[in-house]
């Protein structure tokens, strides 16, 4: 009987360190996206930051939502902005809706980012902002 318990608990003992490591990785990735490490040049940081943002989205960890919202709102000329916008839709946290609506409705934003924001809002089950730019609607009413 005792052997059965040991066999049953073995997967838990093996998974616990991996879970703790994954949580630690998410925190490190968030920090990397949020601030440039001392001693790392800007070009290297931009590359590492983009990869960190992709990993955060892939992690599915909702702790990434605030930093991705910040990036989505502020990065208008770098691919990390698109990664963050798509990631907010993928992570599925409704707190991202206002940020995505602002991006979607901002005529000064790149059309591609606005489209990504619209798609992310759809994934979240939210409607585009009320201030949709002319020509952005279909033919139907609400």
N, C-alpha and C. Protein backbone atom coordinates (compact mmCIF):
# COMPACT_ATOMS: atom_id res chain seq x y z
N UNK A 1 0.83 -1.20 0.00
CA UNK A 1 0.00 0.00 0.00
C UNK A 1 0.87 1.26 0.00
N UNK A 2 1.93 1.25 0.79
CA UNK A 2 2.80 2.40 0.88
C UNK A 2 3.46 2.68 -0.48
N UNK A 3 3.82 1.63 -1.20
CA UNK A 3 4.45 1.80 -2.52
C UNK A 3 3.50 2.49 -3.49
N UNK A 4 2.20 2.18 -3.40
CA UNK A 4 1.24 2.83 -4.28
C UNK A 4 1.21 4.35 -4.05
N UNK A 5 1.26 4.76 -2.81
CA UNK A 5 1.26 6.19 -2.51
C UNK A 5 2.51 6.86 -3.06
N UNK A 6 3.63 6.20 -2.92
CA UNK A 6 4.86 6.78 -3.45
C UNK A 6 4.80 6.92 -4.96
N UNK A 7 4.25 5.90 -5.63
CA UNK A 7 4.11 5.95 -7.08
C UNK A 7 3.13 7.05 -7.46
N UNK A 8 2.06 7.19 -6.71
CA UNK A 8 1.05 8.22 -7.01
C UNK A 8 1.59 9.62 -6.78
N UNK A 9 2.46 9.82 -5.83
CA UNK A 9 3.00 11.15 -5.52
C UNK A 9 4.20 11.53 -6.39
N UNK A 10 4.82 10.57 -7.03
CA UNK A 10 6.02 10.85 -7.83
C UNK A 10 5.79 11.92 -8.90
N UNK A 11 4.70 11.87 -9.68
CA UNK A 11 4.51 12.94 -10.68
C UNK A 11 4.39 14.33 -10.07
N UNK A 12 3.80 14.41 -8.90
CA UNK A 12 3.67 15.71 -8.23
C UNK A 12 5.05 16.21 -7.82
N UNK A 13 5.87 15.36 -7.28
CA UNK A 13 7.21 15.75 -6.86
C UNK A 13 8.06 16.17 -8.05
N UNK A 14 7.85 15.54 -9.19
CA UNK A 14 8.62 15.88 -10.39
C UNK A 14 8.11 17.19 -10.99
N UNK A 15 6.80 17.42 -11.00
CA UNK A 15 6.22 18.61 -11.63
C UNK A 15 6.42 19.87 -10.80
N UNK A 16 6.48 19.78 -9.49
CA UNK A 16 6.57 20.96 -8.64
C UNK A 16 7.76 21.85 -8.98
N UNK A 17 8.97 21.33 -9.17
CA UNK A 17 10.08 22.22 -9.54
C UNK A 17 9.87 22.88 -10.90
N UNK A 18 9.27 22.17 -11.85
CA UNK A 18 9.02 22.75 -13.17
C UNK A 18 8.03 23.90 -13.08
N UNK A 19 6.98 23.75 -12.26
CA UNK A 19 5.99 24.80 -12.09
C UNK A 19 6.64 26.02 -11.46
N UNK A 20 7.44 25.82 -10.42
CA UNK A 20 8.13 26.94 -9.76
C UNK A 20 9.06 27.63 -10.74
N UNK A 21 9.79 26.87 -11.55
CA UNK A 21 10.70 27.43 -12.55
C UNK A 21 9.92 28.22 -13.60
N UNK A 22 8.78 27.70 -14.04
CA UNK A 22 7.97 28.40 -15.05
C UNK A 22 7.46 29.73 -14.49
N UNK A 23 7.05 29.75 -13.22
CA UNK A 23 6.58 30.99 -12.62
C UNK A 23 7.72 32.00 -12.51
N UNK A 24 8.90 31.51 -12.17
CA UNK A 24 10.08 32.36 -12.09
C UNK A 24 10.41 32.92 -13.48
N UNK A 25 10.33 32.08 -14.50
CA UNK A 25 10.61 32.51 -15.87
C UNK A 25 9.65 33.62 -16.29
N UNK A 26 8.36 33.49 -15.95
CA UNK A 26 7.38 34.51 -16.33
C UNK A 26 7.76 35.84 -15.69
N UNK A 27 8.14 35.84 -14.45
CA UNK A 27 8.54 37.07 -13.77
C UNK A 27 9.76 37.69 -14.45
N UNK A 28 10.73 36.86 -14.80
CA UNK A 28 11.94 37.35 -15.48
C UNK A 28 11.60 37.89 -16.87
N UNK A 29 10.70 37.23 -17.57
CA UNK A 29 10.30 37.69 -18.90
C UNK A 29 9.57 39.03 -18.81
N UNK A 30 8.69 39.17 -17.83
CA UNK A 30 7.98 40.43 -17.62
C UNK A 30 8.97 41.55 -17.38
N UNK A 31 9.94 41.29 -16.53
CA UNK A 31 10.95 42.29 -16.21
C UNK A 31 11.75 42.67 -17.46
N UNK A 32 12.10 41.69 -18.27
CA UNK A 32 12.87 41.95 -19.49
C UNK A 32 12.07 42.79 -20.48
N UNK A 33 10.78 42.53 -20.60
CA UNK A 33 9.94 43.32 -21.50
C UNK A 33 9.79 44.74 -20.96
N UNK A 34 9.70 44.88 -19.66
CA UNK A 34 9.40 46.16 -19.04
C UNK A 34 10.59 47.11 -18.94
N UNK A 35 11.80 46.57 -18.75
CA UNK A 35 12.94 47.46 -18.59
C UNK A 35 14.21 46.88 -19.18
N UNK A 36 15.00 47.76 -19.77
CA UNK A 36 16.25 47.36 -20.40
C UNK A 36 17.26 47.01 -19.31
N UNK A 37 17.82 45.80 -19.37
CA UNK A 37 18.82 45.42 -18.37
C UNK A 37 20.07 46.29 -18.46
N UNK A 38 20.67 46.58 -17.33
CA UNK A 38 21.91 47.34 -17.29
C UNK A 38 22.98 46.57 -18.07
N UNK A 39 23.73 47.30 -18.85
CA UNK A 39 24.82 46.67 -19.60
C UNK A 39 24.41 46.04 -20.92
N UNK A 40 23.14 46.03 -21.24
CA UNK A 40 22.68 45.46 -22.52
C UNK A 40 22.38 46.61 -23.47
N UNK A 41 22.99 46.57 -24.66
CA UNK A 41 22.72 47.67 -25.59
C UNK A 41 21.29 47.59 -26.11
N UNK A 42 20.81 48.70 -26.61
CA UNK A 42 19.40 48.83 -27.00
C UNK A 42 19.02 47.85 -28.10
N UNK A 43 19.87 47.65 -29.09
CA UNK A 43 19.55 46.73 -30.18
C UNK A 43 19.39 45.30 -29.67
N UNK A 44 20.28 44.87 -28.81
CA UNK A 44 20.19 43.51 -28.24
C UNK A 44 18.94 43.39 -27.38
N UNK A 45 18.65 44.43 -26.60
CA UNK A 45 17.47 44.40 -25.75
C UNK A 45 16.20 44.31 -26.58
N UNK A 46 16.14 45.05 -27.66
CA UNK A 46 14.94 45.02 -28.50
C UNK A 46 14.67 43.60 -28.99
N UNK A 47 15.70 42.90 -29.42
CA UNK A 47 15.53 41.52 -29.88
C UNK A 47 15.09 40.61 -28.74
N UNK A 48 15.77 40.70 -27.62
CA UNK A 48 15.43 39.86 -26.46
C UNK A 48 14.03 40.20 -25.93
N UNK A 49 13.68 41.46 -25.99
CA UNK A 49 12.36 41.91 -25.54
C UNK A 49 11.26 41.33 -26.41
N UNK A 50 11.46 41.33 -27.72
CA UNK A 50 10.48 40.75 -28.64
C UNK A 50 10.28 39.27 -28.33
N UNK A 51 11.39 38.55 -28.16
CA UNK A 51 11.31 37.12 -27.86
C UNK A 51 10.63 36.88 -26.51
N UNK A 52 10.94 37.72 -25.53
CA UNK A 52 10.32 37.59 -24.20
C UNK A 52 8.82 37.80 -24.30
N UNK A 53 8.38 38.76 -25.09
CA UNK A 53 6.94 39.00 -25.26
C UNK A 53 6.27 37.79 -25.89
N UNK A 54 6.91 37.19 -26.89
CA UNK A 54 6.34 35.98 -27.51
C UNK A 54 6.23 34.84 -26.51
N UNK A 55 7.26 34.69 -25.68
CA UNK A 55 7.25 33.63 -24.67
C UNK A 55 6.16 33.88 -23.62
N UNK A 56 5.97 35.13 -23.26
CA UNK A 56 4.91 35.45 -22.30
C UNK A 56 3.54 35.06 -22.84
N UNK A 57 3.30 35.37 -24.09
CA UNK A 57 2.01 35.00 -24.70
C UNK A 57 1.88 33.49 -24.71
N UNK A 58 2.94 32.79 -25.12
CA UNK A 58 2.91 31.33 -25.18
C UNK A 58 2.72 30.70 -23.80
N UNK A 59 3.16 31.39 -22.76
CA UNK A 59 3.03 30.84 -21.40
C UNK A 59 1.57 30.77 -20.96
N UNK A 60 0.74 31.66 -21.51
CA UNK A 60 -0.67 31.70 -21.09
C UNK A 60 -0.87 32.30 -19.72
N UNK A 61 0.18 32.84 -19.12
CA UNK A 61 0.12 33.37 -17.77
C UNK A 61 -0.46 34.78 -17.77
N UNK A 62 -1.54 34.96 -17.05
CA UNK A 62 -2.24 36.25 -17.02
C UNK A 62 -1.43 37.35 -16.34
N UNK A 63 -0.37 36.99 -15.62
CA UNK A 63 0.47 38.03 -15.03
C UNK A 63 1.13 38.88 -16.11
N UNK A 64 1.16 38.37 -17.33
CA UNK A 64 1.78 39.11 -18.44
C UNK A 64 0.87 40.21 -18.97
N UNK A 65 -0.41 40.17 -18.66
CA UNK A 65 -1.37 41.11 -19.26
C UNK A 65 -1.00 42.58 -19.01
N UNK A 66 -0.69 43.01 -17.78
CA UNK A 66 -0.39 44.44 -17.59
C UNK A 66 0.80 44.93 -18.43
N UNK A 67 1.87 44.16 -18.48
CA UNK A 67 3.03 44.61 -19.26
C UNK A 67 2.72 44.58 -20.75
N UNK A 68 1.95 43.61 -21.20
CA UNK A 68 1.57 43.57 -22.62
C UNK A 68 0.63 44.72 -22.97
N UNK A 69 -0.24 45.12 -22.03
CA UNK A 69 -1.10 46.28 -22.26
C UNK A 69 -0.25 47.54 -22.41
N UNK A 70 0.74 47.67 -21.56
CA UNK A 70 1.64 48.83 -21.61
C UNK A 70 2.39 48.87 -22.95
N UNK A 71 2.90 47.73 -23.37
CA UNK A 71 3.63 47.66 -24.64
C UNK A 71 2.69 47.94 -25.81
N UNK A 72 1.52 47.33 -25.79
CA UNK A 72 0.56 47.52 -26.88
C UNK A 72 0.19 49.00 -27.01
N UNK A 73 0.03 49.67 -25.91
CA UNK A 73 -0.36 51.08 -25.93
C UNK A 73 0.76 52.00 -26.38
N UNK A 74 2.01 51.63 -26.09
CA UNK A 74 3.12 52.55 -26.34
C UNK A 74 3.98 52.24 -27.56
N UNK A 75 4.01 51.00 -28.00
CA UNK A 75 4.89 50.63 -29.11
C UNK A 75 4.14 50.68 -30.43
N UNK A 76 4.35 51.76 -31.15
CA UNK A 76 3.63 51.94 -32.41
C UNK A 76 4.48 51.65 -33.64
N UNK A 77 5.80 51.53 -33.46
CA UNK A 77 6.68 51.36 -34.61
C UNK A 77 7.57 50.12 -34.51
N UNK A 78 7.27 49.20 -33.63
CA UNK A 78 8.08 48.00 -33.47
C UNK A 78 7.16 46.78 -33.45
N UNK A 79 7.67 45.67 -33.94
CA UNK A 79 6.88 44.43 -34.01
C UNK A 79 6.40 43.98 -32.63
N UNK A 80 7.07 44.38 -31.58
CA UNK A 80 6.62 43.99 -30.24
C UNK A 80 5.22 44.53 -29.95
N UNK A 81 4.87 45.66 -30.55
CA UNK A 81 3.52 46.20 -30.38
C UNK A 81 2.48 45.25 -30.93
N UNK A 82 2.74 44.72 -32.12
CA UNK A 82 1.81 43.76 -32.72
C UNK A 82 1.74 42.47 -31.90
N UNK A 83 2.92 42.02 -31.42
CA UNK A 83 2.96 40.82 -30.59
C UNK A 83 2.11 41.01 -29.34
N UNK A 84 2.22 42.18 -28.72
CA UNK A 84 1.46 42.46 -27.50
C UNK A 84 -0.03 42.53 -27.79
N UNK A 85 -0.42 43.18 -28.88
CA UNK A 85 -1.84 43.29 -29.22
C UNK A 85 -2.44 41.91 -29.44
N UNK A 86 -1.79 41.11 -30.27
CA UNK A 86 -2.29 39.74 -30.52
C UNK A 86 -2.30 38.93 -29.23
N UNK A 87 -1.24 39.09 -28.44
CA UNK A 87 -1.13 38.35 -27.19
C UNK A 87 -2.24 38.65 -26.21
N UNK A 88 -2.67 39.89 -26.18
CA UNK A 88 -3.78 40.25 -25.28
C UNK A 88 -5.05 39.51 -25.66
N UNK A 89 -5.28 39.34 -26.94
CA UNK A 89 -6.43 38.55 -27.38
C UNK A 89 -6.27 37.09 -27.02
N UNK A 90 -5.07 36.58 -27.20
CA UNK A 90 -4.79 35.17 -26.91
C UNK A 90 -4.92 34.87 -25.43
N UNK A 91 -4.43 35.77 -24.59
CA UNK A 91 -4.48 35.52 -23.14
C UNK A 91 -5.90 35.61 -22.58
N UNK A 92 -6.77 36.34 -23.27
CA UNK A 92 -8.19 36.32 -22.93
C UNK A 92 -8.59 37.02 -21.66
N UNK A 93 -7.82 38.00 -21.23
CA UNK A 93 -8.16 38.71 -20.00
C UNK A 93 -8.94 39.98 -20.34
N UNK A 94 -10.16 40.11 -19.83
CA UNK A 94 -11.00 41.27 -20.17
C UNK A 94 -10.44 42.62 -19.74
N UNK A 95 -9.47 42.65 -18.84
CA UNK A 95 -8.90 43.94 -18.44
C UNK A 95 -8.18 44.62 -19.61
N UNK A 96 -7.88 43.86 -20.67
CA UNK A 96 -7.20 44.42 -21.84
C UNK A 96 -8.15 45.14 -22.78
N UNK A 97 -9.45 44.98 -22.61
CA UNK A 97 -10.43 45.53 -23.54
C UNK A 97 -10.27 47.04 -23.75
N UNK A 98 -10.20 47.87 -22.70
CA UNK A 98 -10.08 49.31 -22.95
C UNK A 98 -8.83 49.68 -23.76
N UNK A 99 -7.72 49.05 -23.46
CA UNK A 99 -6.48 49.32 -24.21
C UNK A 99 -6.66 48.95 -25.67
N UNK A 100 -7.21 47.78 -25.93
CA UNK A 100 -7.43 47.34 -27.31
C UNK A 100 -8.42 48.24 -28.03
N UNK A 101 -9.45 48.69 -27.34
CA UNK A 101 -10.42 49.60 -27.96
C UNK A 101 -9.77 50.92 -28.33
N UNK A 102 -8.89 51.42 -27.47
CA UNK A 102 -8.19 52.68 -27.77
C UNK A 102 -7.32 52.53 -29.01
N UNK A 103 -6.60 51.41 -29.10
CA UNK A 103 -5.74 51.17 -30.26
C UNK A 103 -6.59 51.06 -31.52
N UNK A 104 -7.66 50.30 -31.43
CA UNK A 104 -8.53 50.06 -32.59
C UNK A 104 -9.14 51.35 -33.11
N UNK A 105 -9.43 52.29 -32.22
CA UNK A 105 -10.12 53.52 -32.61
C UNK A 105 -9.17 54.67 -32.95
N UNK A 106 -7.88 54.48 -32.74
CA UNK A 106 -6.92 55.57 -32.93
C UNK A 106 -6.50 55.69 -34.40
N UNK A 107 -6.98 56.72 -35.10
CA UNK A 107 -6.66 56.86 -36.52
C UNK A 107 -5.18 57.12 -36.79
N UNK A 108 -4.43 57.51 -35.77
CA UNK A 108 -3.00 57.74 -35.96
C UNK A 108 -2.19 56.44 -35.90
N UNK A 109 -2.83 55.35 -35.45
CA UNK A 109 -2.15 54.06 -35.38
C UNK A 109 -2.11 53.41 -36.74
N UNK A 110 -1.12 52.56 -36.92
CA UNK A 110 -0.98 51.77 -38.13
C UNK A 110 -2.25 50.93 -38.35
N UNK A 111 -2.68 50.84 -39.61
CA UNK A 111 -3.90 50.08 -39.93
C UNK A 111 -3.77 48.63 -39.50
N UNK A 112 -2.58 48.06 -39.63
CA UNK A 112 -2.36 46.67 -39.22
C UNK A 112 -2.56 46.48 -37.73
N UNK A 113 -2.07 47.41 -36.93
CA UNK A 113 -2.27 47.33 -35.48
C UNK A 113 -3.74 47.48 -35.12
N UNK A 114 -4.42 48.36 -35.82
CA UNK A 114 -5.85 48.55 -35.55
C UNK A 114 -6.63 47.28 -35.89
N UNK A 115 -6.27 46.63 -36.98
CA UNK A 115 -6.92 45.37 -37.36
C UNK A 115 -6.63 44.29 -36.32
N UNK A 116 -5.38 44.21 -35.87
CA UNK A 116 -5.03 43.23 -34.83
C UNK A 116 -5.82 43.49 -33.55
N UNK A 117 -5.98 44.77 -33.20
CA UNK A 117 -6.75 45.10 -32.00
C UNK A 117 -8.20 44.67 -32.17
N UNK A 118 -8.76 44.88 -33.35
CA UNK A 118 -10.15 44.47 -33.62
C UNK A 118 -10.29 42.95 -33.47
N UNK A 119 -9.31 42.21 -34.00
CA UNK A 119 -9.34 40.74 -33.89
C UNK A 119 -9.18 40.29 -32.44
N UNK A 120 -8.31 40.97 -31.70
CA UNK A 120 -8.11 40.63 -30.29
C UNK A 120 -9.39 40.90 -29.50
N UNK A 121 -10.05 42.00 -29.80
CA UNK A 121 -11.33 42.31 -29.13
C UNK A 121 -12.36 41.22 -29.42
N UNK A 122 -12.39 40.75 -30.66
CA UNK A 122 -13.34 39.69 -31.01
C UNK A 122 -13.04 38.42 -30.21
N UNK A 123 -11.76 38.10 -30.03
CA UNK A 123 -11.40 36.92 -29.23
C UNK A 123 -11.87 37.07 -27.79
N UNK A 124 -11.88 38.31 -27.32
CA UNK A 124 -12.31 38.58 -25.95
C UNK A 124 -13.82 38.72 -25.84
N UNK A 125 -14.51 38.64 -26.97
CA UNK A 125 -15.95 38.78 -26.96
C UNK A 125 -16.39 40.21 -26.73
N UNK A 126 -15.49 41.16 -27.03
CA UNK A 126 -15.80 42.58 -26.83
C UNK A 126 -15.99 43.26 -28.17
N UNK A 127 -16.73 44.35 -28.14
CA UNK A 127 -16.98 45.11 -29.36
C UNK A 127 -15.89 46.16 -29.52
N UNK A 128 -15.66 46.56 -30.78
CA UNK A 128 -14.74 47.68 -30.99
C UNK A 128 -15.28 48.92 -30.27
N UNK A 129 -14.42 49.90 -30.12
CA UNK A 129 -14.84 51.12 -29.43
C UNK A 129 -15.96 51.81 -30.21
N UNK A 130 -16.65 52.71 -29.55
CA UNK A 130 -17.73 53.45 -30.19
C UNK A 130 -17.19 54.45 -31.21
N UNK A 131 -15.90 54.77 -31.09
CA UNK A 131 -15.29 55.78 -31.96
C UNK A 131 -14.57 55.14 -33.13
N UNK A 132 -15.17 54.13 -33.74
CA UNK A 132 -14.55 53.47 -34.88
C UNK A 132 -14.44 54.49 -36.02
N UNK A 133 -13.28 54.47 -36.66
CA UNK A 133 -13.03 55.42 -37.75
C UNK A 133 -13.97 55.16 -38.91
N UNK A 134 -14.28 56.18 -39.68
CA UNK A 134 -15.14 56.00 -40.85
C UNK A 134 -14.56 54.93 -41.78
N UNK A 135 -15.44 54.15 -42.37
CA UNK A 135 -15.02 53.10 -43.28
C UNK A 135 -14.65 51.81 -42.58
N UNK A 136 -14.63 51.81 -41.24
CA UNK A 136 -14.24 50.63 -40.50
C UNK A 136 -15.37 49.66 -40.25
N UNK A 137 -16.59 50.10 -40.48
CA UNK A 137 -17.74 49.24 -40.20
C UNK A 137 -18.18 48.47 -41.40
N UNK A 138 -18.96 47.46 -41.16
CA UNK A 138 -19.54 46.67 -42.26
C UNK A 138 -20.83 47.34 -42.68
N UNK A 139 -21.82 46.54 -42.99
CA UNK A 139 -23.08 47.13 -43.39
C UNK A 139 -24.15 47.01 -42.34
N UNK A 140 -23.88 46.21 -41.28
CA UNK A 140 -24.92 45.93 -40.31
C UNK A 140 -24.94 46.92 -39.18
N UNK A 141 -26.07 46.97 -38.52
CA UNK A 141 -26.21 47.83 -37.35
C UNK A 141 -26.04 47.03 -36.08
N UNK A 142 -26.22 47.69 -34.92
CA UNK A 142 -26.05 46.94 -33.70
C UNK A 142 -27.27 46.39 -33.14
